[in-house]
Amino acid sequence: MTVHSEIEIAGLTAPINTQLFINGEFVDAAAGGTIEVLNPFNGKKICDIAEAREEDVDRAVEAAKAAQPAWARMDAADRGQLLLKLADAIEANAEELIKLEALDTGHPVRDARKLDVPRTARCFRYFGGMADKVEGSLPPVYPGFINYVQREALGVVGQIVPWNFPLMFTSWKMAPALAAGNAIVIKPAEITPLSTLRIAALMKEVGIPDGVVNVVPGYGHTAGARLSSHPDIKKIAFTGSTATGRRIVEASAGNLKKVQLELGGKGPNIVFDDAILPAAIGGSAWAIFHNQGQACIAGSRLIVHEKVADEFTEKFAALAKSIRLGNPMDSNTEMGPLTSKMHQEKVLEYAKIAEQEGGEIICGGKAPDDPELANGCFVEPTIVRADMSSRVCQEEVFGPFVTISTFSDDEEALQMANGVIYGLGSGLWTQNLSRAHRFAREIKAGMVWINSYKVVHPASPFGGVGESGYGREMGFEVMNEYTQAKSVWVNVDAQIPPHYER
C-alpha cells in the first residue's frame, strides 16, 4: 500500500511523504501496515504513515551499513558542509516546518517559530562546524615510541526520538552522529513523525548520500525493540521514559552496544526569599508551562521560601490563569493542547491523585470549559500545593502541572531538591552569589540554571544523572559519545624494544 500524501497546512501545500525513508528513497513498509496520525487540537486525522516493523528496520540497517564506510572516509569538512547546507534548507523551509510541527504536536506556532525551527537549524549548523574539529591526542609514552590516539566513528547508530519535541530532538540526535561519521537509523515517535520525515527529504535535496540517514516510524515494541537489539547497531541513543530506558538497556546486551539515555525528570525550581520575584514568577511559568509542560527538564517542583510563598503563589497563579489556550496555529495562542488524548487523560488523573493525597489544587486540574477546545487534548495550567512525599511531587507528570512546597532554610531546600530519583534539570532564584554556587555544586542534576530556566544551546552539554539517564547530548562531550578511541603505537627506531629481549 502506498501512503504518500501531500498535507495542506494553513494554506500551504507541504509535500510530506509519509512512507519510510530507507537508502535515500521513500518506500512502503514491507508488511503494508499504516499508523494514523491525529491532530491534537481537534482529534481529526492528518494522514496515515507507513508503519515500520522488524523487517523494515533490518532493511534500514543494511542500507546504513553499506553507506557508512564511505561517509566516514569523506573529508570531515565536506561532511560538515552538507550539514551546513541542511541548516540553510531548514531556514529556507522554516514556515512549512513551523506549521507542520504545530499541526502534528500541538506546539503553538509562536513557539515553533521562535524556538523549535531556529534551534533545529542552529544545531545542524553548530555540528556542521564541529565535523572537522574532532582531535585525537599524543600521550607521552616510552622512549623510541610514538603513541597517538584517534577518534573513530562507531558505525551504524540507532536513535529513538520522543513525541514532545520531534523536530528539535531529531537535530540533537542526528547532527553530532553525522558530524562524527556515523550512519543513522532513526525512529521518530509514531504519533509525531512528520517533521522528521520532512527533514529526511531535505537531506536528500542537499546531497547527503543515500543510506546515511534512514527514518523508520513505528511502535516501540516492534521497530524500537528491533533497533535496540539489532546486532549491527553499535549504539542506541534514546530520549523518553525511564521505564523504556531500562528495557533498552536490557535489549542492548546482545552485542554490548553503547547506550545513551536521556530519560525522565522532576526538576526542582527553588525560589529564595531574596529572589527578584517578577523574574522568578515569569521564569517559573516558562519552566513549567512552555510546550504544555511536556518537557523532561520542566521545573515541575516549585520549592519556595516560606517568607515569600504567599506572595509568590498568588502572583504565579494569576499568571497561570491568564495564559491563552487555543488553536496552536493561531499566533495569539500561548499554550496548545497536549500531544495525545492518552496523555491528556494521564495528566488529568494526577489531579485526582493530588486531591486524594490531600493536596490543594490552587488552579487548573481540569480540561478547559471553552466549547471550542472541547475536542482537543487540553489541560488547564495546574498548580497544586503538595507535600514533598506525595506522588505528584515524586512522579513525572509531564504536563502543565506544577507542585508548590515551602522551605525555611537552605539545608531544607537542598534536601527537598535532591529528594527524588531523578536528576536532569534544576533551577534556583537568588541574589546571593555564594549560595548560588553552593547549590549548583550540591544539587544532584546534570544541569543547573541560576536566575533562569530551560536555557539550552548546542555548545552546552545536556543530560542527567540518577534515573534521568546517562551520556550527554550536545556540546563537545557528545562527539565522544558518537566516536571511540583507537590507540596506535609506532616503534620509531624500528628496533626490538628492550623488554622484548630474551
Protein backbone atom coordinates (compact mmCIF):
# COMPACT_ATOMS: atom_id res chain seq x y z
CA MET A 1 0.00 0.00 0.00
CA THR A 2 1.41 3.40 -0.98
CA VAL A 3 0.90 6.06 1.66
CA HIS A 4 2.49 9.10 0.01
CA SER A 5 0.41 12.19 0.71
CA GLU A 6 0.51 15.96 0.41
CA ILE A 7 -0.77 17.70 3.51
CA GLU A 8 -2.40 21.13 3.39
CA ILE A 9 -1.18 23.29 6.27
CA ALA A 10 -2.85 26.65 6.83
CA GLY A 11 -2.94 27.48 3.14
CA LEU A 12 0.44 25.93 2.32
CA THR A 13 0.82 22.63 0.49
CA ALA A 14 3.66 20.78 2.17
CA PRO A 15 4.82 17.74 0.16
CA ILE A 16 5.20 15.48 3.16
CA ASN A 17 5.97 11.95 2.12
CA THR A 18 4.59 9.60 4.73
CA GLN A 19 6.42 6.46 3.68
CA LEU A 20 9.55 5.06 5.31
CA PHE A 21 12.84 6.64 4.24
CA ILE A 22 15.38 3.90 3.51
CA ASN A 23 18.54 4.11 1.41
CA GLY A 24 17.67 7.56 0.10
CA GLU A 25 14.17 6.63 -1.09
CA PHE A 26 10.67 6.82 0.33
CA VAL A 27 9.33 3.28 0.36
CA ASP A 28 6.34 1.36 1.63
CA ALA A 29 6.56 -0.77 4.74
CA ALA A 30 7.20 -4.43 3.97
CA ALA A 31 4.02 -5.58 5.69
CA GLY A 32 1.98 -2.69 4.33
CA GLY A 33 0.84 -1.51 7.74
CA THR A 34 -0.01 2.11 8.49
CA ILE A 35 -0.42 4.30 11.56
CA GLU A 36 -3.00 7.05 11.92
CA VAL A 37 -1.56 10.46 12.82
CA LEU A 38 -4.04 12.73 14.60
CA ASN A 39 -4.27 16.48 15.14
CA PRO A 40 -4.22 17.01 18.94
CA PHE A 41 -6.18 20.26 18.60
CA ASN A 42 -9.33 18.72 17.14
CA GLY A 43 -8.80 14.96 17.10
CA LYS A 44 -9.06 14.78 13.31
CA LYS A 45 -6.83 12.55 11.22
CA ILE A 46 -3.94 14.30 9.49
CA CYS A 47 -2.77 11.33 7.47
CA ASP A 48 -1.64 7.72 7.57
CA ILE A 49 2.07 6.94 7.75
CA ALA A 50 3.84 3.70 6.92
CA GLU A 51 4.42 1.51 9.97
CA ALA A 52 7.96 0.18 10.21
CA ARG A 53 8.36 -3.28 11.71
CA GLU A 54 11.32 -5.58 12.25
CA GLU A 55 11.89 -6.35 8.56
CA ASP A 56 11.92 -2.64 7.72
CA VAL A 57 14.42 -1.89 10.47
CA ASP A 58 16.64 -4.66 9.11
CA ARG A 59 16.48 -3.11 5.61
CA ALA A 60 17.37 0.28 7.04
CA VAL A 61 20.32 -1.11 8.98
CA GLU A 62 21.66 -2.86 5.87
CA ALA A 63 21.45 0.40 3.93
CA ALA A 64 23.24 2.27 6.72
CA LYS A 65 25.97 -0.41 6.94
CA ALA A 66 26.64 -0.12 3.22
CA ALA A 67 26.78 3.67 3.27
CA GLN A 68 28.70 4.32 6.49
CA PRO A 69 32.29 3.48 5.49
CA ALA A 70 32.33 5.97 2.62
CA TRP A 71 30.62 8.61 4.78
CA ALA A 72 33.26 8.16 7.49
CA ARG A 73 36.10 8.35 4.93
CA MET A 74 34.74 11.57 3.44
CA ASP A 75 36.76 14.67 4.28
CA ALA A 76 35.30 15.81 7.59
CA ALA A 77 34.99 19.37 6.29
CA ASP A 78 32.86 18.08 3.40
CA ARG A 79 30.58 16.24 5.83
CA GLY A 80 30.29 19.46 7.74
CA GLN A 81 29.43 21.43 4.60
CA LEU A 82 26.48 19.12 3.95
CA LEU A 83 25.17 19.74 7.45
CA LEU A 84 25.57 23.48 6.90
CA LYS A 85 23.58 23.18 3.67
CA LEU A 86 20.91 21.30 5.59
CA ALA A 87 20.73 24.14 8.14
CA ASP A 88 20.25 26.57 5.25
CA ALA A 89 17.49 24.37 3.79
CA ILE A 90 15.71 24.22 7.15
CA GLU A 91 15.73 28.02 7.34
CA ALA A 92 14.53 28.29 3.75
CA ASN A 93 11.61 25.99 4.57
CA ALA A 94 11.04 27.42 8.04
CA GLU A 95 7.40 28.43 7.62
CA GLU A 96 6.43 24.98 6.40
CA LEU A 97 8.28 23.28 9.27
CA ILE A 98 6.77 25.68 11.83
CA LYS A 99 3.23 24.90 10.78
CA LEU A 100 3.91 21.21 10.31
CA GLU A 101 5.26 20.93 13.86
CA ALA A 102 2.31 22.87 15.27
CA LEU A 103 -0.17 20.68 13.39
CA ASP A 104 1.44 17.41 14.46
CA THR A 105 2.37 18.16 18.08
CA GLY A 106 0.18 21.00 19.33
CA HIS A 107 3.14 23.37 19.79
CA PRO A 108 1.91 26.94 19.36
CA VAL A 109 3.26 28.40 16.13
CA ARG A 110 4.75 31.29 18.11
CA ASP A 111 6.98 28.79 19.96
CA ALA A 112 7.82 26.77 16.85
CA ARG A 113 8.79 29.98 15.08
CA LYS A 114 10.85 31.39 17.94
CA LEU A 115 12.38 28.15 19.26
CA ASP A 116 11.83 24.80 17.55
CA VAL A 117 12.88 25.64 13.99
CA PRO A 118 15.71 28.09 14.84
CA ARG A 119 17.13 25.63 17.38
CA THR A 120 16.99 22.85 14.80
CA ALA A 121 18.87 24.87 12.21
CA ARG A 122 21.37 26.11 14.81
CA CYS A 123 22.11 22.55 15.95
CA PHE A 124 22.88 21.30 12.44
CA ARG A 125 24.97 24.40 11.82
CA TYR A 126 26.92 24.01 15.07
CA PHE A 127 27.81 20.39 14.40
CA GLY A 128 28.46 21.13 10.76
CA GLY A 129 31.25 23.33 12.06
CA MET A 130 32.28 20.67 14.57
CA ALA A 131 32.82 17.93 11.98
CA ASP A 132 36.48 18.80 11.31
CA LYS A 133 37.28 19.85 14.88
CA VAL A 134 37.39 16.40 16.50
CA GLU A 135 41.00 15.82 17.54
CA GLY A 136 42.97 12.90 18.88
CA SER A 137 45.85 13.05 21.33
CA LEU A 138 49.55 12.21 21.62
CA PRO A 139 50.22 10.70 25.07
CA PRO A 140 53.82 10.67 26.37
CA VAL A 141 54.95 7.03 26.35
CA TYR A 142 58.24 5.02 26.23
CA PRO A 143 61.38 6.38 24.56
CA GLY A 144 61.56 5.26 20.96
CA PHE A 145 57.78 5.11 20.58
CA ILE A 146 55.06 7.44 19.39
CA ASN A 147 51.56 6.69 20.56
CA TYR A 148 48.69 8.55 19.00
CA VAL A 149 45.01 8.21 19.83
CA GLN A 150 42.46 8.90 17.14
CA ARG A 151 38.67 9.17 17.40
CA GLU A 152 36.72 6.97 15.02
CA ALA A 153 33.05 6.77 14.16
CA LEU A 154 31.14 3.91 15.78
CA GLY A 155 29.42 2.72 12.60
CA VAL A 156 25.64 2.45 12.47
CA VAL A 157 23.76 4.06 15.34
CA GLY A 158 20.10 3.68 16.24
CA GLN A 159 18.22 6.70 17.52
CA ILE A 160 14.77 6.94 19.08
CA VAL A 161 13.14 10.37 19.22
CA PRO A 162 10.22 11.24 21.56
CA TRP A 163 6.97 12.98 20.68
CA ASN A 164 7.34 16.17 22.74
CA PHE A 165 9.96 17.99 20.60
CA PRO A 166 10.30 15.78 17.50
CA LEU A 167 11.88 18.34 15.18
CA MET A 168 14.40 19.70 17.68
CA PHE A 169 15.34 16.28 19.07
CA THR A 170 15.85 14.95 15.54
CA SER A 171 18.61 17.55 15.13
CA TRP A 172 20.06 16.85 18.59
CA LYS A 173 20.37 13.17 17.70
CA MET A 174 21.33 13.34 14.04
CA ALA A 175 23.72 16.28 13.87
CA PRO A 176 26.58 15.07 16.10
CA ALA A 177 26.28 11.47 14.93
CA LEU A 178 26.58 12.54 11.29
CA ALA A 179 29.39 15.01 12.00
CA ALA A 180 31.38 12.17 13.57
CA GLY A 181 30.96 9.93 10.50
CA ASN A 182 28.23 7.56 11.63
CA ALA A 183 25.24 6.38 9.62
CA ILE A 184 21.82 6.53 11.26
CA VAL A 185 18.60 4.61 11.59
CA ILE A 186 16.20 6.87 13.45
CA LYS A 187 12.74 6.05 14.78
CA PRO A 188 10.53 9.07 15.41
CA ALA A 189 7.55 8.63 17.69
CA GLU A 190 4.65 7.08 15.83
CA ILE A 191 2.31 9.93 16.83
CA THR A 192 4.59 12.80 15.70
CA PRO A 193 6.70 11.60 12.74
CA LEU A 194 6.01 14.28 10.14
CA SER A 195 8.77 16.81 10.76
CA THR A 196 11.43 14.09 10.92
CA LEU A 197 10.26 12.73 7.56
CA ARG A 198 10.40 16.24 6.12
CA ILE A 199 13.98 16.64 7.38
CA ALA A 200 14.85 13.37 5.61
CA ALA A 201 13.56 14.81 2.34
CA LEU A 202 15.64 17.95 2.84
CA MET A 203 18.71 15.78 3.49
CA LYS A 204 18.15 14.12 0.14
CA GLU A 205 17.83 17.53 -1.52
CA VAL A 206 21.11 18.89 -0.12
CA GLY A 207 23.08 15.81 -1.16
CA ILE A 208 23.60 13.71 1.95
CA PRO A 209 24.43 10.30 0.44
CA ASP A 210 21.80 7.60 0.21
CA GLY A 211 21.73 5.24 3.18
CA VAL A 212 23.50 7.58 5.59
CA VAL A 213 20.17 8.52 7.19
CA ASN A 214 17.16 6.20 7.37
CA VAL A 215 13.82 7.04 9.03
CA VAL A 216 11.57 4.25 10.29
CA PRO A 217 8.46 5.46 12.13
CA GLY A 218 6.88 2.66 14.11
CA TYR A 219 5.86 1.43 17.51
CA GLY A 220 8.33 0.97 20.33
CA HIS A 221 7.53 -2.70 20.91
CA THR A 222 8.34 -3.60 17.29
CA ALA A 223 10.57 -1.09 15.48
CA GLY A 224 12.07 0.33 18.67
CA ALA A 225 12.74 -3.09 20.15
CA ARG A 226 14.43 -4.29 16.97
CA LEU A 227 16.66 -1.21 16.84
CA SER A 228 17.67 -1.74 20.47
CA SER A 229 18.58 -5.40 19.99
CA HIS A 230 19.93 -5.36 16.43
CA PRO A 231 23.41 -6.94 16.31
CA ASP A 232 24.71 -4.47 13.70
CA ILE A 233 23.70 -1.35 15.62
CA LYS A 234 26.76 -0.12 17.52
CA LYS A 235 24.96 2.40 19.69
CA ILE A 236 21.41 3.24 20.67
CA ALA A 237 20.52 6.80 21.69
CA PHE A 238 17.13 7.22 23.33
CA THR A 239 15.11 10.07 24.75
CA GLY A 240 11.97 9.09 26.62
CA SER A 241 10.66 7.49 29.78
CA THR A 242 12.84 5.85 32.42
CA ALA A 243 10.84 2.61 32.17
CA THR A 244 11.50 2.34 28.44
CA GLY A 245 15.15 3.25 29.02
CA ARG A 246 15.55 0.22 31.25
CA ARG A 247 14.11 -2.05 28.56
CA ILE A 248 16.50 -0.60 26.01
CA VAL A 249 19.47 -1.33 28.27
CA GLU A 250 18.32 -4.94 28.59
CA ALA A 251 17.81 -5.29 24.83
CA SER A 252 21.23 -3.79 24.09
CA ALA A 253 23.08 -6.53 25.96
CA GLY A 254 23.11 -8.90 22.99
CA ASN A 255 26.05 -7.17 21.31
CA LEU A 256 27.03 -4.88 24.22
CA LYS A 257 26.23 -1.80 22.15
CA LYS A 258 26.81 1.64 23.62
CA VAL A 259 23.71 3.20 25.14
CA GLN A 260 22.93 6.87 25.67
CA LEU A 261 19.81 7.69 27.66
CA GLU A 262 18.04 10.97 28.30
CA LEU A 263 15.12 9.99 30.50
CA GLY A 264 12.60 11.43 32.93
CA GLY A 265 12.90 14.40 35.21
CA LYS A 266 11.25 16.07 38.16
CA GLY A 267 13.10 19.37 38.16
CA PRO A 268 13.34 21.36 41.40
CA ASN A 269 12.89 25.09 40.93
CA ILE A 270 13.88 26.88 44.14
CA VAL A 271 12.76 30.43 44.94
CA PHE A 272 14.68 32.01 47.83
CA ASP A 273 13.43 34.93 49.90
CA ASP A 274 15.92 37.30 48.23
CA ALA A 275 14.82 36.39 44.70
CA ILE A 276 13.67 39.11 42.33
CA LEU A 277 10.07 37.90 42.37
CA PRO A 278 8.84 39.20 38.98
CA ALA A 279 11.73 37.39 37.29
CA ALA A 280 11.19 34.25 39.36
CA ILE A 281 7.46 34.22 38.64
CA GLY A 282 7.85 34.71 34.90
CA GLY A 283 10.77 32.31 34.67
CA SER A 284 8.96 29.65 36.68
CA ALA A 285 5.93 29.90 34.40
CA TRP A 286 8.22 29.37 31.40
CA ALA A 287 9.88 26.47 33.21
CA ILE A 288 6.65 24.50 33.54
CA PHE A 289 4.07 25.78 31.03
CA HIS A 290 6.19 26.04 27.87
CA ASN A 291 5.16 23.24 25.49
CA GLN A 292 2.28 22.42 27.85
CA GLY A 293 4.80 21.14 30.41
CA GLN A 294 5.78 18.30 28.10
CA ALA A 295 9.50 18.59 28.74
CA CYS A 296 11.81 16.32 30.70
CA ILE A 297 13.66 19.36 32.05
CA ALA A 298 10.50 21.17 33.17
CA GLY A 299 10.63 22.94 36.52
CA SER A 300 7.78 20.84 37.84
CA ARG A 301 8.55 21.19 41.57
CA LEU A 302 8.46 24.73 42.92
CA ILE A 303 10.25 24.93 46.27
CA VAL A 304 9.55 28.38 47.71
CA HIS A 305 10.86 30.06 50.85
CA GLU A 306 8.09 30.42 53.42
CA LYS A 307 8.67 34.19 53.73
CA VAL A 308 7.68 34.83 50.12
CA ALA A 309 5.46 31.78 49.49
CA ASP A 310 2.10 33.57 49.79
CA GLU A 311 3.04 36.47 47.54
CA PHE A 312 4.75 34.23 45.01
CA THR A 313 1.86 31.76 44.88
CA GLU A 314 -0.78 34.44 44.45
CA LYS A 315 1.02 36.16 41.59
CA PHE A 316 2.15 32.91 39.99
CA ALA A 317 -1.41 31.57 39.99
CA ALA A 318 -2.69 34.82 38.47
CA LEU A 319 -0.17 34.49 35.67
CA ALA A 320 -1.09 30.83 35.09
CA LYS A 321 -4.79 31.68 34.83
CA SER A 322 -4.02 34.38 32.25
CA ILE A 323 -2.28 32.02 29.79
CA ARG A 324 -4.19 31.91 26.49
CA LEU A 325 -5.13 28.36 25.46
CA GLY A 326 -6.20 27.80 21.87
CA ASN A 327 -5.51 26.57 18.38
CA PRO A 328 -1.74 26.12 18.06
CA MET A 329 -1.97 27.51 14.52
CA ASP A 330 -3.13 30.85 15.94
CA SER A 331 -0.23 33.21 16.63
CA ASN A 332 -2.03 34.51 19.72
CA THR A 333 -2.12 31.10 21.39
CA GLU A 334 0.31 30.77 24.30
CA MET A 335 -0.44 27.15 25.21
CA GLY A 336 -1.74 24.49 22.89
CA PRO A 337 -3.12 21.01 23.50
CA LEU A 338 -1.14 18.12 24.90
CA THR A 339 0.09 15.87 22.12
CA SER A 340 -2.34 12.97 22.58
CA LYS A 341 -5.66 12.10 24.21
CA MET A 342 -4.00 9.32 26.18
CA HIS A 343 -1.52 11.75 27.67
CA GLN A 344 -4.23 14.29 28.48
CA GLU A 345 -6.04 11.59 30.47
CA LYS A 346 -2.83 10.73 32.33
CA VAL A 347 -2.23 14.32 33.39
CA LEU A 348 -5.84 14.78 34.50
CA GLU A 349 -5.56 11.59 36.55
CA TYR A 350 -2.70 13.15 38.51
CA ALA A 351 -5.03 15.99 39.52
CA LYS A 352 -7.31 13.38 41.08
CA ILE A 353 -4.33 11.73 42.79
CA ALA A 354 -3.29 15.10 44.23
CA GLU A 355 -6.71 15.58 45.82
CA GLN A 356 -6.78 12.02 47.12
CA GLU A 357 -3.43 12.61 48.83
CA GLY A 358 -4.61 15.81 50.49
CA GLY A 359 -3.07 18.29 48.07
CA GLU A 360 -4.72 21.61 47.31
CA ILE A 361 -5.43 22.44 43.68
CA ILE A 362 -4.83 26.18 43.50
CA CYS A 363 -5.85 26.41 39.85
CA GLY A 364 -6.44 24.15 36.88
CA GLY A 365 -6.61 20.39 37.31
CA LYS A 366 -9.17 20.00 34.54
CA ALA A 367 -9.84 20.45 30.85
CA PRO A 368 -10.94 23.97 29.88
CA ASP A 369 -14.66 24.75 29.74
CA ASP A 370 -14.39 26.52 26.39
CA PRO A 371 -16.54 24.52 23.90
CA GLU A 372 -14.17 25.49 21.07
CA LEU A 373 -11.45 23.48 22.81
CA ALA A 374 -13.62 20.50 23.75
CA ASN A 375 -12.25 18.16 21.06
CA GLY A 376 -8.64 18.96 21.81
CA CYS A 377 -6.24 17.39 24.29
CA PHE A 378 -6.16 20.41 26.60
CA VAL A 379 -5.37 20.68 30.31
CA GLU A 380 -5.53 24.00 32.10
CA PRO A 381 -2.32 25.26 33.72
CA THR A 382 -2.37 23.44 37.03
CA ILE A 383 -0.81 24.43 40.36
CA VAL A 384 -1.00 22.10 43.34
CA ARG A 385 0.14 22.78 46.88
CA ALA A 386 1.50 19.42 48.00
CA ASP A 387 3.78 17.66 50.45
CA MET A 388 7.15 16.50 49.12
CA SER A 389 6.36 12.87 49.92
CA SER A 390 3.25 12.82 47.72
CA ARG A 391 3.16 11.07 44.37
CA VAL A 392 2.65 14.33 42.48
CA CYS A 393 5.94 15.58 43.95
CA GLN A 394 7.80 12.35 43.24
CA GLU A 395 6.49 11.12 39.88
CA GLU A 396 6.90 12.76 36.50
CA VAL A 397 3.55 14.12 35.34
CA PHE A 398 4.88 15.60 32.08
CA GLY A 399 2.21 18.22 31.64
CA PRO A 400 1.24 21.78 32.63
CA PHE A 401 1.24 20.64 36.23
CA VAL A 402 3.46 22.10 38.96
CA THR A 403 3.61 21.48 42.69
CA ILE A 404 4.43 24.11 45.31
CA SER A 405 6.12 23.21 48.59
CA THR A 406 7.74 25.56 51.10
CA PHE A 407 11.04 25.55 53.00
CA SER A 408 12.50 27.53 55.90
CA ASP A 409 16.30 27.35 55.38
CA ASP A 410 18.93 26.41 52.81
CA GLU A 411 19.54 22.92 54.17
CA GLU A 412 15.86 22.04 53.93
CA ALA A 413 15.70 23.42 50.38
CA LEU A 414 18.68 21.33 49.31
CA GLN A 415 17.22 18.21 50.90
CA MET A 416 13.92 18.77 49.08
CA ALA A 417 15.66 19.44 45.78
CA ASN A 418 17.54 16.14 45.99
CA GLY A 419 14.58 14.20 47.35
CA VAL A 420 13.60 12.41 44.13
CA ILE A 421 15.10 9.65 41.98
CA TYR A 422 15.65 11.97 39.02
CA GLY A 423 18.48 14.39 38.28
CA LEU A 424 18.05 16.21 34.99
CA GLY A 425 17.22 19.94 35.12
CA SER A 426 17.12 22.22 38.17
CA GLY A 427 16.91 25.91 38.90
CA LEU A 428 17.22 28.50 41.64
CA TRP A 429 16.38 32.15 42.04
CA THR A 430 18.58 34.16 44.40
CA GLN A 431 20.80 37.25 44.54
CA ASN A 432 23.25 35.53 46.89
CA LEU A 433 26.23 34.56 44.72
CA SER A 434 27.80 32.23 47.31
CA ARG A 435 24.53 30.40 47.82
CA ALA A 436 24.04 30.10 44.07
CA HIS A 437 27.40 28.43 43.54
CA ARG A 438 26.98 26.18 46.54
CA PHE A 439 23.61 24.91 45.31
CA ALA A 440 24.96 24.50 41.80
CA ARG A 441 27.62 22.23 43.29
CA GLU A 442 25.35 20.24 45.60
CA ILE A 443 22.15 19.78 43.62
CA LYS A 444 22.17 16.32 42.05
CA ALA A 445 21.36 17.19 38.47
CA GLY A 446 23.00 17.31 35.08
CA MET A 447 22.02 20.95 34.58
CA VAL A 448 21.52 23.88 36.95
CA TRP A 449 20.05 27.23 35.90
CA ILE A 450 20.63 30.23 38.15
CA ASN A 451 18.07 33.04 37.82
CA SER A 452 16.84 31.39 34.62
CA TYR A 453 15.41 28.07 33.47
CA LYS A 454 15.40 25.85 30.37
CA VAL A 455 18.15 27.70 28.51
CA VAL A 456 19.81 25.34 26.02
CA HIS A 457 22.47 25.74 23.32
CA PRO A 458 24.28 23.28 21.03
CA ALA A 459 27.59 24.17 22.70
CA SER A 460 26.41 23.19 26.18
CA PRO A 461 26.12 19.54 27.28
CA PHE A 462 22.60 18.31 28.06
CA GLY A 463 21.81 15.23 30.15
CA GLY A 464 21.13 13.84 33.58
CA VAL A 465 22.19 11.70 36.49
CA GLY A 466 20.40 9.08 38.56
CA GLU A 467 17.27 7.74 36.88
CA SER A 468 17.36 10.59 34.39
CA GLY A 469 19.87 8.57 32.41
CA TYR A 470 23.49 8.84 31.31
CA GLY A 471 25.53 10.25 28.48
CA ARG A 472 25.24 13.76 27.10
CA GLU A 473 23.61 15.45 24.16
CA MET A 474 25.29 18.46 22.57
CA GLY A 475 28.49 20.27 23.42
CA PHE A 476 31.88 18.79 22.59
CA GLU A 477 31.09 15.97 25.04
CA VAL A 478 28.59 14.45 22.60
CA MET A 479 31.34 13.92 20.00
CA ASN A 480 32.92 11.44 22.39
CA GLU A 481 29.51 9.76 22.69
CA TYR A 482 29.48 9.13 18.92
CA THR A 483 33.13 8.13 18.50
CA GLN A 484 35.53 5.62 20.01
CA ALA A 485 39.22 5.93 20.78
CA LYS A 486 41.81 3.91 18.88
CA SER A 487 45.35 3.78 20.23
CA VAL A 488 48.13 3.43 17.62
CA TRP A 489 51.72 2.56 18.65
CA VAL A 490 54.67 3.38 16.40
CA ASN A 491 58.15 1.98 17.07
CA VAL A 492 60.09 4.95 15.73
CA ASP A 493 63.50 3.27 15.82
CA ALA A 494 62.14 0.06 14.26
CA GLN A 495 64.21 -1.92 16.76
CA ILE A 496 63.22 -4.64 19.15
CA PRO A 497 62.19 -2.91 22.38
CA PRO A 498 64.37 -3.83 25.36
CA HIS A 499 61.57 -5.55 27.23
CA TYR A 500 61.08 -7.93 24.27
CA GLU A 501 64.60 -9.30 24.51
CA ARG A 502 65.08 -12.78 25.94
